Amino acid sequence: GALIMTHSDDNGLVLPPALAPIQVVIIPIYKSEEQLN
């Protein structure tokens, strides 16, 4: 609760990297399977 109220903003949760379950997310932008590959 302290973590939420200390850092988060109007867009949602903000986590310090030291306690983030996922520190980096990589999202591919593609239109075809070939591009994804």
ModelCIF file with pLDDT and N, C-alpha, C, O atoms, coordinates in Angstrom:
data_MODEL
#
_entry.id   MODEL 
#
_entity.id                         1 
_entity.type                       polymer 
_entity.pdbx_number_of_molecules   1 
#
_entity_poly.entity_id                      1 
_entity_poly.type                           'polypeptide(L)' 
_entity_poly.nstd_linkage                   no 
_entity_poly.nstd_monomer                   no 
_entity_poly.pdbx_seq_one_letter_code       GALIMTHSDDNGLVLPPALAPIQVVIIPIYKSEEQLN 
_entity_poly.pdbx_seq_one_letter_code_can   GALIMTHSDDNGLVLPPALAPIQVVIIPIYKSEEQLN 
_entity_poly.pdbx_strand_id                 A 
#
loop_
_entity_poly_seq.entity_id 
_entity_poly_seq.num 
_entity_poly_seq.mon_id 
_entity_poly_seq.hetero 
1 1  GLY n 
1 2  ALA n 
1 3  LEU n 
1 4  ILE n 
1 5  MET n 
1 6  THR n 
1 7  HIS n 
1 8  SER n 
1 9  ASP n 
1 10 ASP n 
1 11 ASN n 
1 12 GLY n 
1 13 LEU n 
1 14 VAL n 
1 15 LEU n 
1 16 PRO n 
1 17 PRO n 
1 18 ALA n 
1 19 LEU n 
1 20 ALA n 
1 21 PRO n 
1 22 ILE n 
1 23 GLN n 
1 24 VAL n 
1 25 VAL n 
1 26 ILE n 
1 27 ILE n 
1 28 PRO n 
1 29 ILE n 
1 30 TYR n 
1 31 LYS n 
1 32 SER n 
1 33 GLU n 
1 34 GLU n 
1 35 GLN n 
1 36 LEU n 
1 37 ASN n 
#
_struct_asym.id          A 
_struct_asym.entity_id   1 
#
loop_
_ma_qa_metric.id 
_ma_qa_metric.mode 
_ma_qa_metric.name 
_ma_qa_metric.software_group_id 
_ma_qa_metric.type 
1 global pLDDT . pLDDT 
2 local  pLDDT . pLDDT 
#
_ma_qa_metric_global.metric_id      1 
_ma_qa_metric_global.metric_value   97.51 
_ma_qa_metric_global.model_id       1 
_ma_qa_metric_global.ordinal_id     1 
#
loop_
_ma_qa_metric_local.label_asym_id 
_ma_qa_metric_local.label_comp_id 
_ma_qa_metric_local.label_seq_id 
_ma_qa_metric_local.metric_id 
_ma_qa_metric_local.metric_value 
_ma_qa_metric_local.model_id 
_ma_qa_metric_local.ordinal_id 
A GLY 1  2 98.00 1 1  
A ALA 2  2 98.00 1 2  
A LEU 3  2 98.00 1 3  
A ILE 4  2 98.00 1 4  
A MET 5  2 98.00 1 5  
A THR 6  2 98.00 1 6  
A HIS 7  2 98.00 1 7  
A SER 8  2 98.00 1 8  
A ASP 9  2 98.00 1 9  
A ASP 10 2 97.00 1 10 
A ASN 11 2 96.00 1 11 
A GLY 12 2 97.00 1 12 
A LEU 13 2 98.00 1 13 
A VAL 14 2 98.00 1 14 
A LEU 15 2 98.00 1 15 
A PRO 16 2 98.00 1 16 
A PRO 17 2 98.00 1 17 
A ALA 18 2 98.00 1 18 
A LEU 19 2 98.00 1 19 
A ALA 20 2 98.00 1 20 
A PRO 21 2 98.00 1 21 
A ILE 22 2 98.00 1 22 
A GLN 23 2 98.00 1 23 
A VAL 24 2 98.00 1 24 
A VAL 25 2 98.00 1 25 
A ILE 26 2 98.00 1 26 
A ILE 27 2 98.00 1 27 
A PRO 28 2 98.00 1 28 
A ILE 29 2 97.00 1 29 
A TYR 30 2 96.00 1 30 
A LYS 31 2 95.00 1 31 
A SER 32 2 96.00 1 32 
A GLU 33 2 96.00 1 33 
A GLU 34 2 97.00 1 34 
A GLN 35 2 97.00 1 35 
A LEU 36 2 97.00 1 36 
A ASN 37 2 97.00 1 37 
#
loop_
_atom_site.group_PDB 
_atom_site.id 
_atom_site.type_symbol 
_atom_site.label_atom_id 
_atom_site.label_alt_id 
_atom_site.label_comp_id 
_atom_site.label_asym_id 
_atom_site.label_entity_id 
_atom_site.label_seq_id 
_atom_site.pdbx_PDB_ins_code 
_atom_site.Cartn_x 
_atom_site.Cartn_y 
_atom_site.Cartn_z 
_atom_site.occupancy 
_atom_site.B_iso_or_equiv 
_atom_site.pdbx_formal_charge 
_atom_site.auth_seq_id 
_atom_site.auth_comp_id 
_atom_site.auth_asym_id 
_atom_site.auth_atom_id 
_atom_site.pdbx_PDB_model_num 
ATOM 1   N N  . GLY A 1 1  ? 0.826  -1.209  0.000   1.00 98.00 ? 1  GLY A N  1 
ATOM 2   C CA . GLY A 1 1  ? 0.000  0.000   0.000   1.00 98.00 ? 1  GLY A CA 1 
ATOM 3   C C  . GLY A 1 1  ? 0.856  1.252   0.000   1.00 98.00 ? 1  GLY A C  1 
ATOM 4   O O  . GLY A 1 1  ? 0.549  2.226   -0.688  1.00 98.00 ? 1  GLY A O  1 
ATOM 5   N N  . ALA A 1 2  ? 1.941  1.223   0.783   1.00 98.00 ? 2  ALA A N  1 
ATOM 6   C CA . ALA A 1 2  ? 2.854  2.371   0.815   1.00 98.00 ? 2  ALA A CA 1 
ATOM 7   C C  . ALA A 1 2  ? 3.492  2.588   -0.548  1.00 98.00 ? 2  ALA A C  1 
ATOM 8   O O  . ALA A 1 2  ? 3.635  3.724   -1.000  1.00 98.00 ? 2  ALA A O  1 
ATOM 9   N N  . LEU A 1 3  ? 3.870  1.507   -1.195  1.00 98.00 ? 3  LEU A N  1 
ATOM 10  C CA . LEU A 1 3  ? 4.497  1.586   -2.516  1.00 98.00 ? 3  LEU A CA 1 
ATOM 11  C C  . LEU A 1 3  ? 3.557  2.241   -3.526  1.00 98.00 ? 3  LEU A C  1 
ATOM 12  O O  . LEU A 1 3  ? 3.965  3.097   -4.311  1.00 98.00 ? 3  LEU A O  1 
ATOM 13  N N  . ILE A 1 4  ? 2.296  1.826   -3.491  1.00 98.00 ? 4  ILE A N  1 
ATOM 14  C CA . ILE A 1 4  ? 1.291  2.379   -4.405  1.00 98.00 ? 4  ILE A CA 1 
ATOM 15  C C  . ILE A 1 4  ? 1.127  3.878   -4.170  1.00 98.00 ? 4  ILE A C  1 
ATOM 16  O O  . ILE A 1 4  ? 1.182  4.670   -5.110  1.00 98.00 ? 4  ILE A O  1 
ATOM 17  N N  . MET A 1 5  ? 0.924  4.262   -2.908  1.00 98.00 ? 5  MET A N  1 
ATOM 18  C CA . MET A 1 5  ? 0.603  5.658   -2.608  1.00 98.00 ? 5  MET A CA 1 
ATOM 19  C C  . MET A 1 5  ? 1.809  6.583   -2.705  1.00 98.00 ? 5  MET A C  1 
ATOM 20  O O  . MET A 1 5  ? 1.650  7.798   -2.826  1.00 98.00 ? 5  MET A O  1 
ATOM 21  N N  . THR A 1 6  ? 3.003  6.023   -2.654  1.00 98.00 ? 6  THR A N  1 
ATOM 22  C CA . THR A 1 6  ? 4.206  6.847   -2.753  1.00 98.00 ? 6  THR A CA 1 
ATOM 23  C C  . THR A 1 6  ? 4.512  7.235   -4.194  1.00 98.00 ? 6  THR A C  1 
ATOM 24  O O  . THR A 1 6  ? 4.876  8.380   -4.461  1.00 98.00 ? 6  THR A O  1 
ATOM 25  N N  . HIS A 1 7  ? 4.370  6.293   -5.126  1.00 98.00 ? 7  HIS A N  1 
ATOM 26  C CA . HIS A 1 7  ? 4.886  6.507   -6.480  1.00 98.00 ? 7  HIS A CA 1 
ATOM 27  C C  . HIS A 1 7  ? 3.837  6.594   -7.592  1.00 98.00 ? 7  HIS A C  1 
ATOM 28  O O  . HIS A 1 7  ? 4.091  7.220   -8.621  1.00 98.00 ? 7  HIS A O  1 
ATOM 29  N N  . SER A 1 8  ? 2.684  5.990   -7.410  1.00 98.00 ? 8  SER A N  1 
ATOM 30  C CA . SER A 1 8  ? 1.767  5.822   -8.537  1.00 98.00 ? 8  SER A CA 1 
ATOM 31  C C  . SER A 1 8  ? 1.135  7.138   -8.969  1.00 98.00 ? 8  SER A C  1 
ATOM 32  O O  . SER A 1 8  ? 1.125  8.115   -8.220  1.00 98.00 ? 8  SER A O  1 
ATOM 33  N N  . ASP A 1 9  ? 0.607  7.146   -10.196 1.00 98.00 ? 9  ASP A N  1 
ATOM 34  C CA . ASP A 1 9  ? 0.041  8.373   -10.757 1.00 98.00 ? 9  ASP A CA 1 
ATOM 35  C C  . ASP A 1 9  ? -1.340 8.107   -11.338 1.00 98.00 ? 9  ASP A C  1 
ATOM 36  O O  . ASP A 1 9  ? -1.903 7.028   -11.152 1.00 98.00 ? 9  ASP A O  1 
ATOM 37  N N  . ASP A 1 10 ? -1.876 9.083   -12.032 1.00 97.00 ? 10 ASP A N  1 
ATOM 38  C CA . ASP A 1 10 ? -3.244 8.952   -12.558 1.00 97.00 ? 10 ASP A CA 1 
ATOM 39  C C  . ASP A 1 10 ? -3.351 7.976   -13.722 1.00 97.00 ? 10 ASP A C  1 
ATOM 40  O O  . ASP A 1 10 ? -4.452 7.689   -14.193 1.00 97.00 ? 10 ASP A O  1 
ATOM 41  N N  . ASN A 1 11 ? -2.203 7.458   -14.193 1.00 96.00 ? 11 ASN A N  1 
ATOM 42  C CA . ASN A 1 11 ? -2.218 6.435   -15.237 1.00 96.00 ? 11 ASN A CA 1 
ATOM 43  C C  . ASN A 1 11 ? -2.129 5.029   -14.664 1.00 96.00 ? 11 ASN A C  1 
ATOM 44  O O  . ASN A 1 11 ? -2.210 4.048   -15.404 1.00 96.00 ? 11 ASN A O  1 
ATOM 45  N N  . GLY A 1 12 ? -1.961 4.928   -13.341 1.00 97.00 ? 12 GLY A N  1 
ATOM 46  C CA . GLY A 1 12 ? -1.898 3.608   -12.723 1.00 97.00 ? 12 GLY A CA 1 
ATOM 47  C C  . GLY A 1 12 ? -0.703 3.443   -11.817 1.00 97.00 ? 12 GLY A C  1 
ATOM 48  O O  . GLY A 1 12 ? -0.176 4.411   -11.269 1.00 97.00 ? 12 GLY A O  1 
ATOM 49  N N  . LEU A 1 13 ? -0.289 2.215   -11.668 1.00 98.00 ? 13 LEU A N  1 
ATOM 50  C CA . LEU A 1 13 ? 0.798  1.851   -10.771 1.00 98.00 ? 13 LEU A CA 1 
ATOM 51  C C  . LEU A 1 13 ? 2.139  2.328   -11.333 1.00 98.00 ? 13 LEU A C  1 
ATOM 52  O O  . LEU A 1 13 ? 2.368  2.298   -12.542 1.00 98.00 ? 13 LEU A O  1 
ATOM 53  N N  . VAL A 1 14 ? 3.011  2.765   -10.434 1.00 98.00 ? 14 VAL A N  1 
ATOM 54  C CA . VAL A 1 14 ? 4.405  3.049   -10.785 1.00 98.00 ? 14 VAL A CA 1 
ATOM 55  C C  . VAL A 1 14 ? 5.266  2.265   -9.805  1.00 98.00 ? 14 VAL A C  1 
ATOM 56  O O  . VAL A 1 14 ? 5.156  2.450   -8.593  1.00 98.00 ? 14 VAL A O  1 
ATOM 57  N N  . LEU A 1 15 ? 6.117  1.398   -10.321 1.00 98.00 ? 15 LEU A N  1 
ATOM 58  C CA . LEU A 1 15 ? 6.942  0.550   -9.468  1.00 98.00 ? 15 LEU A CA 1 
ATOM 59  C C  . LEU A 1 15 ? 8.416  0.909   -9.603  1.00 98.00 ? 15 LEU A C  1 
ATOM 60  O O  . LEU A 1 15 ? 8.898  1.126   -10.714 1.00 98.00 ? 15 LEU A O  1 
ATOM 61  N N  . PRO A 1 16 ? 9.144  0.976   -8.478  1.00 98.00 ? 16 PRO A N  1 
ATOM 62  C CA . PRO A 1 16 ? 10.599 1.104   -8.572  1.00 98.00 ? 16 PRO A CA 1 
ATOM 63  C C  . PRO A 1 16 ? 11.166 -0.191  -9.152  1.00 98.00 ? 16 PRO A C  1 
ATOM 64  O O  . PRO A 1 16 ? 10.694 -1.270  -8.795  1.00 98.00 ? 16 PRO A O  1 
ATOM 65  N N  . PRO A 1 17 ? 12.149 -0.118  -10.024 1.00 98.00 ? 17 PRO A N  1 
ATOM 66  C CA . PRO A 1 17 ? 12.691 -1.330  -10.664 1.00 98.00 ? 17 PRO A CA 1 
ATOM 67  C C  . PRO A 1 17 ? 13.103 -2.420  -9.688  1.00 98.00 ? 17 PRO A C  1 
ATOM 68  O O  . PRO A 1 17 ? 12.975 -3.604  -10.001 1.00 98.00 ? 17 PRO A O  1 
ATOM 69  N N  . ALA A 1 18 ? 13.599 -2.043  -8.498  1.00 98.00 ? 18 ALA A N  1 
ATOM 70  C CA . ALA A 1 18 ? 14.077 -3.043  -7.537  1.00 98.00 ? 18 ALA A CA 1 
ATOM 71  C C  . ALA A 1 18 ? 12.975 -3.995  -7.078  1.00 98.00 ? 18 ALA A C  1 
ATOM 72  O O  . ALA A 1 18 ? 13.261 -5.117  -6.660  1.00 98.00 ? 18 ALA A O  1 
ATOM 73  N N  . LEU A 1 19 ? 11.716 -3.556  -7.152  1.00 98.00 ? 19 LEU A N  1 
ATOM 74  C CA . LEU A 1 19 ? 10.609 -4.397  -6.671  1.00 98.00 ? 19 LEU A CA 1 
ATOM 75  C C  . LEU A 1 19 ? 9.617  -4.760  -7.771  1.00 98.00 ? 19 LEU A C  1 
ATOM 76  O O  . LEU A 1 19 ? 8.571  -5.341  -7.485  1.00 98.00 ? 19 LEU A O  1 
ATOM 77  N N  . ALA A 1 20 ? 9.924  -4.429  -9.016  1.00 98.00 ? 20 ALA A N  1 
ATOM 78  C CA . ALA A 1 20 ? 9.007  -4.722  -10.118 1.00 98.00 ? 20 ALA A CA 1 
ATOM 79  C C  . ALA A 1 20 ? 9.133  -6.184  -10.540 1.00 98.00 ? 20 ALA A C  1 
ATOM 80  O O  . ALA A 1 20 ? 10.234 -6.627  -10.869 1.00 98.00 ? 20 ALA A O  1 
ATOM 81  N N  . PRO A 1 21 ? 8.035  -6.948  -10.538 1.00 98.00 ? 21 PRO A N  1 
ATOM 82  C CA . PRO A 1 21 ? 8.096  -8.344  -11.000 1.00 98.00 ? 21 PRO A CA 1 
ATOM 83  C C  . PRO A 1 21 ? 8.600  -8.444  -12.442 1.00 98.00 ? 21 PRO A C  1 
ATOM 84  O O  . PRO A 1 21 ? 9.359  -9.351  -12.785 1.00 98.00 ? 21 PRO A O  1 
ATOM 85  N N  . ILE A 1 22 ? 8.163  -7.493  -13.284 1.00 98.00 ? 22 ILE A N  1 
ATOM 86  C CA . ILE A 1 22 ? 8.661  -7.383  -14.656 1.00 98.00 ? 22 ILE A CA 1 
ATOM 87  C C  . ILE A 1 22 ? 9.344  -6.022  -14.752 1.00 98.00 ? 22 ILE A C  1 
ATOM 88  O O  . ILE A 1 22 ? 8.686  -4.992  -14.610 1.00 98.00 ? 22 ILE A O  1 
ATOM 89  N N  . GLN A 1 23 ? 10.643 -6.004  -14.990 1.00 98.00 ? 23 GLN A N  1 
ATOM 90  C CA . GLN A 1 23 ? 11.352 -4.730  -15.071 1.00 98.00 ? 23 GLN A CA 1 
ATOM 91  C C  . GLN A 1 23 ? 11.319 -4.143  -16.484 1.00 98.00 ? 23 GLN A C  1 
ATOM 92  O O  . GLN A 1 23 ? 11.293 -2.926  -16.665 1.00 98.00 ? 23 GLN A O  1 
ATOM 93  N N  . VAL A 1 24 ? 11.320 -5.021  -17.468 1.00 98.00 ? 24 VAL A N  1 
ATOM 94  C CA . VAL A 1 24 ? 11.315 -4.592  -18.865 1.00 98.00 ? 24 VAL A CA 1 
ATOM 95  C C  . VAL A 1 24 ? 10.316 -5.437  -19.641 1.00 98.00 ? 24 VAL A C  1 
ATOM 96  O O  . VAL A 1 24 ? 10.338 -6.664  -19.548 1.00 98.00 ? 24 VAL A O  1 
ATOM 97  N N  . VAL A 1 25 ? 9.447  -4.796  -20.400 1.00 98.00 ? 25 VAL A N  1 
ATOM 98  C CA . VAL A 1 25 ? 8.562  -5.528  -21.304 1.00 98.00 ? 25 VAL A CA 1 
ATOM 99  C C  . VAL A 1 25 ? 8.896  -5.106  -22.733 1.00 98.00 ? 25 VAL A C  1 
ATOM 100 O O  . VAL A 1 25 ? 9.055  -3.920  -23.019 1.00 98.00 ? 25 VAL A O  1 
ATOM 101 N N  . ILE A 1 26 ? 8.999  -6.081  -23.615 1.00 98.00 ? 26 ILE A N  1 
ATOM 102 C CA . ILE A 1 26 ? 9.288  -5.825  -25.026 1.00 98.00 ? 26 ILE A CA 1 
ATOM 103 C C  . ILE A 1 26 ? 8.058  -6.201  -25.845 1.00 98.00 ? 26 ILE A C  1 
ATOM 104 O O  . ILE A 1 26 ? 7.571  -7.328  -25.773 1.00 98.00 ? 26 ILE A O  1 
ATOM 105 N N  . ILE A 1 27 ? 7.569  -5.249  -26.619 1.00 98.00 ? 27 ILE A N  1 
ATOM 106 C CA . ILE A 1 27 ? 6.345  -5.461  -27.397 1.00 98.00 ? 27 ILE A CA 1 
ATOM 107 C C  . ILE A 1 27 ? 6.666  -5.334  -28.893 1.00 98.00 ? 27 ILE A C  1 
ATOM 108 O O  . ILE A 1 27 ? 7.040  -4.259  -29.359 1.00 98.00 ? 27 ILE A O  1 
ATOM 109 N N  . PRO A 1 28 ? 6.521  -6.414  -29.627 1.00 98.00 ? 28 PRO A N  1 
ATOM 110 C CA . PRO A 1 28 ? 6.752  -6.335  -31.081 1.00 98.00 ? 28 PRO A CA 1 
ATOM 111 C C  . PRO A 1 28 ? 5.556  -5.694  -31.782 1.00 98.00 ? 28 PRO A C  1 
ATOM 112 O O  . PRO A 1 28 ? 4.405  -5.964  -31.441 1.00 98.00 ? 28 PRO A O  1 
ATOM 113 N N  . ILE A 1 29 ? 5.846  -4.839  -32.767 1.00 97.00 ? 29 ILE A N  1 
ATOM 114 C CA . ILE A 1 29 ? 4.794  -4.194  -33.571 1.00 97.00 ? 29 ILE A CA 1 
ATOM 115 C C  . ILE A 1 29 ? 4.891  -4.791  -34.973 1.00 97.00 ? 29 ILE A C  1 
ATOM 116 O O  . ILE A 1 29 ? 5.899  -4.605  -35.654 1.00 97.00 ? 29 ILE A O  1 
ATOM 117 N N  . TYR A 1 30 ? 3.876  -5.492  -35.401 1.00 96.00 ? 30 TYR A N  1 
ATOM 118 C CA . TYR A 1 30 ? 3.967  -6.207  -36.678 1.00 96.00 ? 30 TYR A CA 1 
ATOM 119 C C  . TYR A 1 30 ? 2.592  -6.349  -37.315 1.00 96.00 ? 30 TYR A C  1 
ATOM 120 O O  . TYR A 1 30 ? 1.558  -6.220  -36.660 1.00 96.00 ? 30 TYR A O  1 
ATOM 121 N N  . LYS A 1 31 ? 2.619  -6.620  -38.626 1.00 95.00 ? 31 LYS A N  1 
ATOM 122 C CA . LYS A 1 31 ? 1.379  -6.863  -39.367 1.00 95.00 ? 31 LYS A CA 1 
ATOM 123 C C  . LYS A 1 31 ? 1.328  -8.261  -39.959 1.00 95.00 ? 31 LYS A C  1 
ATOM 124 O O  . LYS A 1 31 ? 0.261  -8.741  -40.342 1.00 95.00 ? 31 LYS A O  1 
ATOM 125 N N  . SER A 1 32 ? 2.474  -8.909  -40.033 1.00 96.00 ? 32 SER A N  1 
ATOM 126 C CA . SER A 1 32 ? 2.506  -10.250 -40.617 1.00 96.00 ? 32 SER A CA 1 
ATOM 127 C C  . SER A 1 32 ? 3.375  -11.163 -39.756 1.00 96.00 ? 32 SER A C  1 
ATOM 128 O O  . SER A 1 32 ? 4.177  -10.705 -38.943 1.00 96.00 ? 32 SER A O  1 
ATOM 129 N N  . GLU A 1 33 ? 3.194  -12.448 -39.957 1.00 96.00 ? 33 GLU A N  1 
ATOM 130 C CA . GLU A 1 33 ? 3.985  -13.422 -39.209 1.00 96.00 ? 33 GLU A CA 1 
ATOM 131 C C  . GLU A 1 33 ? 5.462  -13.293 -39.563 1.00 96.00 ? 33 GLU A C  1 
ATOM 132 O O  . GLU A 1 33 ? 6.334  -13.511 -38.722 1.00 96.00 ? 33 GLU A O  1 
ATOM 133 N N  . GLU A 1 34 ? 5.733  -12.936 -40.818 1.00 97.00 ? 34 GLU A N  1 
ATOM 134 C CA . GLU A 1 34 ? 7.128  -12.767 -41.245 1.00 97.00 ? 34 GLU A CA 1 
ATOM 135 C C  . GLU A 1 34 ? 7.792  -11.626 -40.470 1.00 97.00 ? 34 GLU A C  1 
ATOM 136 O O  . GLU A 1 34 ? 8.937  -11.744 -40.034 1.00 97.00 ? 34 GLU A O  1 
ATOM 137 N N  . GLN A 1 35 ? 7.058  -10.519 -40.304 1.00 97.00 ? 35 GLN A N  1 
ATOM 138 C CA . GLN A 1 35 ? 7.603  -9.397  -39.546 1.00 97.00 ? 35 GLN A CA 1 
ATOM 139 C C  . GLN A 1 35 ? 7.849  -9.793  -38.090 1.00 97.00 ? 35 GLN A C  1 
ATOM 140 O O  . GLN A 1 35 ? 8.873  -9.437  -37.505 1.00 97.00 ? 35 GLN A O  1 
ATOM 141 N N  . LEU A 1 36 ? 6.898  -10.533 -37.511 1.00 97.00 ? 36 LEU A N  1 
ATOM 142 C CA . LEU A 1 36 ? 7.059  -10.985 -36.134 1.00 97.00 ? 36 LEU A CA 1 
ATOM 143 C C  . LEU A 1 36 ? 8.308  -11.854 -35.996 1.00 97.00 ? 36 LEU A C  1 
ATOM 144 O O  . LEU A 1 36 ? 9.068  -11.704 -35.039 1.00 97.00 ? 36 LEU A O  1 
ATOM 145 N N  . ASN A 1 37 ? 8.516  -12.752 -36.941 1.00 97.00 ? 37 ASN A N  1 
ATOM 146 C CA . ASN A 1 37 ? 9.678  -13.640 -36.883 1.00 97.00 ? 37 ASN A CA 1 
ATOM 147 C C  . ASN A 1 37 ? 10.983 -12.849 -36.965 1.00 97.00 ? 37 ASN A C  1 
ATOM 148 O O  . ASN A 1 37 ? 12.064 -13.437 -36.931 1.00 97.00 ? 37 ASN A O  1 
#
